[in-house]
C-alpha atoms as a PDB file:
ATOM      1  CA  MET A   1     -82.093 -19.996   7.015  1.00  0.00           C
ATOM      2  CA  ILE A   2     -78.358 -20.450   6.475  1.00  0.00           C
ATOM      3  CA  ILE A   3     -76.087 -18.240   8.548  1.00  0.00           C
ATOM      4  CA  VAL A   4     -72.564 -17.935   7.186  1.00  0.00           C
ATOM      5  CA  ILE A   5     -69.798 -16.329   9.231  1.00  0.00           C
ATOM      6  CA  GLU A   6     -66.429 -16.523   7.498  1.00  0.00           C
ATOM      7  CA  GLY A   7     -64.211 -19.110   9.170  1.00  0.00           C
ATOM      8  CA  LYS A   8     -66.943 -20.232  11.611  1.00  0.00           C
ATOM      9  CA  GLN A   9     -69.351 -23.168  11.709  1.00  0.00           C
ATOM     10  CA  ILE A  10     -72.502 -23.448  13.813  1.00  0.00           C
ATOM     11  CA  VAL A  11     -73.556 -26.977  14.827  1.00  0.00           C
ATOM     12  CA  ALA A  12     -76.732 -27.948  16.693  1.00  0.00           C
ATOM     13  CA  THR A  13     -78.945 -30.988  17.094  1.00  0.00           C
ATOM     14  CA  HIS A  14     -82.688 -31.369  16.714  1.00  0.00           C
ATOM     15  CA  GLY A  15     -83.711 -34.772  18.006  1.00  0.00           C
ATOM     16  CA  THR A  16     -81.183 -37.153  16.463  1.00  0.00           C
ATOM     17  CA  LYS A  17     -80.586 -34.910  13.436  1.00  0.00           C
ATOM     18  CA  VAL A  18     -77.444 -32.760  13.281  1.00  0.00           C
ATOM     19  CA  LEU A  19     -77.836 -29.271  11.778  1.00  0.00           C
ATOM     20  CA  CYS A  20     -74.812 -27.318  10.490  1.00  0.00           C
ATOM     21  CA  SER A  21     -74.416 -23.854   9.029  1.00  0.00           C
ATOM     22  CA  PRO A  22     -72.720 -23.734   6.638  1.00  0.00           C
ATOM     23  CA  PRO A  23     -73.360 -27.406   5.819  1.00  0.00           C
ATOM     24  CA  MET A  24     -70.430 -29.705   6.631  1.00  0.00           C
ATOM     25  CA  THR A  25     -68.228 -30.518   3.667  1.00  0.00           C
ATOM     26  CA  VAL A  26     -66.125 -33.048   5.587  1.00  0.00           C
ATOM     27  CA  GLY A  27     -67.578 -36.357   6.766  1.00  0.00           C
ATOM     28  CA  SER A  28     -68.934 -36.233  10.283  1.00  0.00           C
ATOM     29  CA  ASN A  29     -69.529 -38.868  12.934  1.00  0.00           C
ATOM     30  CA  LEU A  30     -72.277 -36.798  14.572  1.00  0.00           C
ATOM     31  CA  SER A  31     -75.405 -37.947  12.818  1.00  0.00           C
ATOM     32  CA  PRO A  32     -77.464 -39.602  14.059  1.00  0.00           C
ATOM     33  CA  CYS A  33     -76.731 -38.384  17.585  1.00  0.00           C
ATOM     34  CA  SER A  34     -78.315 -40.634  20.196  1.00  0.00           C
ATOM     35  CA  HIS A  35     -76.989 -38.970  23.373  1.00  0.00           C
ATOM     36  CA  GLU A  36     -80.000 -38.076  25.481  1.00  0.00           C
ATOM     37  CA  GLU A  37     -78.153 -35.666  27.777  1.00  0.00           C
ATOM     38  CA  ALA A  38     -77.241 -32.304  26.246  1.00  0.00           C
ATOM     39  CA  ASP A  39     -74.087 -32.224  28.406  1.00  0.00           C
ATOM     40  CA  THR A  40     -72.465 -35.191  26.678  1.00  0.00           C
ATOM     41  CA  ARG A  41     -73.973 -34.334  23.295  1.00  0.00           C
ATOM     42  CA  MET A  42     -72.138 -30.995  23.352  1.00  0.00           C
ATOM     43  CA  MET A  43     -68.835 -32.723  24.062  1.00  0.00           C
ATOM     44  CA  VAL A  44     -69.440 -35.079  21.116  1.00  0.00           C
ATOM     45  CA  HIS A  45     -69.830 -31.951  18.959  1.00  0.00           C
ATOM     46  CA  VAL A  46     -66.562 -30.549  20.332  1.00  0.00           C
ATOM     47  CA  ALA A  47     -64.669 -33.806  19.697  1.00  0.00           C
ATOM     48  CA  ASP A  48     -66.038 -33.970  16.151  1.00  0.00           C
ATOM     49  CA  ALA A  49     -65.016 -30.358  15.466  1.00  0.00           C
ATOM     50  CA  VAL A  50     -61.479 -31.061  16.695  1.00  0.00           C
ATOM     51  CA  GLY A  51     -61.416 -34.171  14.508  1.00  0.00           C
ATOM     52  CA  ASN A  52     -62.294 -31.954  11.535  1.00  0.00           C
ATOM     53  CA  GLY A  53     -59.383 -29.596  12.208  1.00  0.00           C
ATOM     54  CA  HIS A  54     -60.931 -26.890  14.397  1.00  0.00           C
ATOM     55  CA  LYS A  55     -58.577 -25.552  17.085  1.00  0.00           C
ATOM     56  CA  SER A  56     -60.889 -23.007  18.734  1.00  0.00           C
ATOM     57  CA  ILE A  57     -64.360 -23.821  20.135  1.00  0.00           C
ATOM     58  CA  MET A  58     -67.135 -21.765  21.790  1.00  0.00           C
ATOM     59  CA  ILE A  59     -70.013 -23.345  23.733  1.00  0.00           C
ATOM     60  CA  ARG A  60     -73.032 -21.455  25.050  1.00  0.00           C
ATOM     61  CA  THR A  61     -74.659 -22.969  28.142  1.00  0.00           C
ATOM     62  CA  ALA A  62     -76.480 -22.200  31.378  1.00  0.00           C
ATOM     63  CA  ASP A  63     -75.385 -25.451  33.011  1.00  0.00           C
ATOM     64  CA  THR A  64     -72.380 -25.729  35.336  1.00  0.00           C
ATOM     65  CA  ASP A  65     -71.957 -29.413  34.390  1.00  0.00           C
ATOM     66  CA  VAL A  66     -71.255 -28.392  30.782  1.00  0.00           C
ATOM     67  CA  PHE A  67     -68.729 -25.824  32.015  1.00  0.00           C
ATOM     68  CA  VAL A  68     -66.815 -28.519  33.934  1.00  0.00           C
ATOM     69  CA  LEU A  69     -66.911 -30.916  30.951  1.00  0.00           C
ATOM     70  CA  ALA A  70     -65.675 -28.115  28.697  1.00  0.00           C
ATOM     71  CA  VAL A  71     -62.639 -27.484  30.911  1.00  0.00           C
ATOM     72  CA  ALA A  72     -61.790 -31.193  30.767  1.00  0.00           C
ATOM     73  CA  ALA A  73     -62.232 -31.170  26.960  1.00  0.00           C
ATOM     74  CA  VAL A  74     -59.539 -28.509  26.550  1.00  0.00           C
ATOM     75  CA  VAL A  75     -56.931 -30.791  28.100  1.00  0.00           C
ATOM     76  CA  THR A  76     -58.218 -34.061  26.653  1.00  0.00           C
ATOM     77  CA  LEU A  77     -58.606 -32.786  23.067  1.00  0.00           C
ATOM     78  CA  ASN A  78     -55.600 -30.435  23.088  1.00  0.00           C
ATOM     79  CA  LEU A  79     -57.594 -27.367  22.022  1.00  0.00           C
ATOM     80  CA  GLU A  80     -55.839 -24.037  21.504  1.00  0.00           C
ATOM     81  CA  GLU A  81     -58.875 -22.027  22.649  1.00  0.00           C
ATOM     82  CA  HIS A  82     -62.136 -23.019  24.282  1.00  0.00           C
ATOM     83  CA  TRP A  83     -64.631 -20.307  25.144  1.00  0.00           C
ATOM     84  CA  VAL A  84     -67.718 -20.894  27.286  1.00  0.00           C
ATOM     85  CA  SER A  85     -70.535 -18.364  27.072  1.00  0.00           C
ATOM     86  CA  TYR A  86     -72.410 -18.849  30.351  1.00  0.00           C
ATOM     87  CA  GLY A  87     -75.876 -17.836  31.535  1.00  0.00           C
ATOM     88  CA  THR A  88     -79.225 -16.780  30.109  1.00  0.00           C
ATOM     89  CA  GLY A  89     -81.099 -13.555  29.490  1.00  0.00           C
ATOM     90  CA  LYS A  90     -79.886 -10.610  31.585  1.00  0.00           C
ATOM     91  CA  SER A  91     -77.581 -12.963  33.525  1.00  0.00           C
ATOM     92  CA  HIS A  92     -75.627 -13.960  30.408  1.00  0.00           C
END
């Protein structure tokens, strides 16, 4: 299933394979992704998105480590906006 939201791109990994919707039209350094920890893998996604011209990023997580890394990414990558959707289920 391809989900298309105008002006947005969804990126996820499955094993070492990188999945994008809509498919990336610009070359990407993501695949294959060999980071075992999801924390660092998410930041690789963020850095790649910034490298492809994105200025606003949203990450969904239930892990405080990812939240801390995301705050550091805003400064390091000079993002205009960085949203973190935190929690799971009814605690989201």
